Amino acid sequence: SANISGCPAPHRFAEIPEEIKAAVDYIVDPRLESQSTGKPSQIIKIGMGGEVEIIRP
């Protein structure tokens, strides 16, 4: 996901706020966007011990 809490999720790379792009460790090549479903991504958290928490299915 690339939206600020409470704001609508962007459907295209160009709609992602610059503040989010500047704060992440990695951005998937936007050229892959042509294969996008337009659905928000799943968000998972991987802990230091390898535990997985699904934040948004």
Protein backbone atom coordinates (compact mmCIF):
# COMPACT_ATOMS: atom_id res chain seq x y z
CA SER A 1 0.00 0.00 0.00
CA ALA A 2 1.17 3.48 -0.68
CA ASN A 3 -1.25 5.77 1.03
CA ILE A 4 -1.35 7.79 4.21
CA SER A 5 -3.85 6.45 6.74
CA GLY A 6 -7.30 7.77 5.99
CA CYS A 7 -6.42 8.78 2.43
CA PRO A 8 -7.52 6.82 -0.63
CA ALA A 9 -5.12 4.19 -1.99
CA PRO A 10 -3.44 5.26 -5.24
CA HIS A 11 -4.13 3.14 -8.32
CA ARG A 12 -1.01 4.18 -10.24
CA PHE A 13 2.60 4.89 -9.30
CA ALA A 14 2.28 8.56 -10.21
CA GLU A 15 -0.46 8.94 -7.57
CA ILE A 16 1.83 7.89 -4.69
CA PRO A 17 2.74 10.91 -2.54
CA GLU A 18 6.42 11.89 -2.68
CA GLU A 19 6.57 11.80 1.14
CA ILE A 20 5.84 8.06 1.04
CA LYS A 21 8.35 7.35 -1.74
CA ALA A 22 11.04 9.19 0.22
CA ALA A 23 10.36 7.17 3.39
CA VAL A 24 10.59 3.60 2.05
CA ASP A 25 13.57 1.29 1.68
CA TYR A 26 12.62 -0.10 -1.73
CA ILE A 27 10.30 0.78 -4.62
CA VAL A 28 9.33 -1.89 -7.15
CA ASP A 29 10.09 -0.82 -10.70
CA PRO A 30 7.00 1.14 -11.83
CA ARG A 31 7.40 -0.37 -15.33
CA LEU A 32 5.80 -3.50 -13.85
CA GLU A 33 2.63 -1.46 -13.36
CA SER A 34 1.20 -2.58 -16.69
CA GLN A 35 0.58 -5.97 -15.07
CA SER A 36 -1.13 -4.44 -12.04
CA THR A 37 -4.63 -5.46 -10.99
CA GLY A 38 -5.23 -2.04 -9.42
CA LYS A 39 -6.04 -3.72 -6.09
CA PRO A 40 -4.27 -2.59 -2.89
CA SER A 41 -1.36 -4.78 -1.87
CA GLN A 42 -1.24 -7.12 1.08
CA ILE A 43 0.75 -5.75 4.00
CA ILE A 44 2.76 -8.10 6.18
CA LYS A 45 5.22 -7.53 8.99
CA ILE A 46 8.15 -9.88 9.48
CA GLY A 47 9.62 -9.82 12.97
CA MET A 48 13.26 -10.21 13.92
CA GLY A 49 12.58 -13.84 14.84
CA GLY A 50 10.95 -14.58 11.50
CA GLU A 51 7.36 -14.35 12.78
CA VAL A 52 4.85 -13.11 10.21
CA GLU A 53 1.94 -10.80 11.03
CA ILE A 54 -0.66 -10.04 8.36
CA ILE A 55 -1.62 -6.40 8.78
CA ARG A 56 -3.90 -6.14 5.74
CA PRO A 57 -4.99 -9.29 3.85
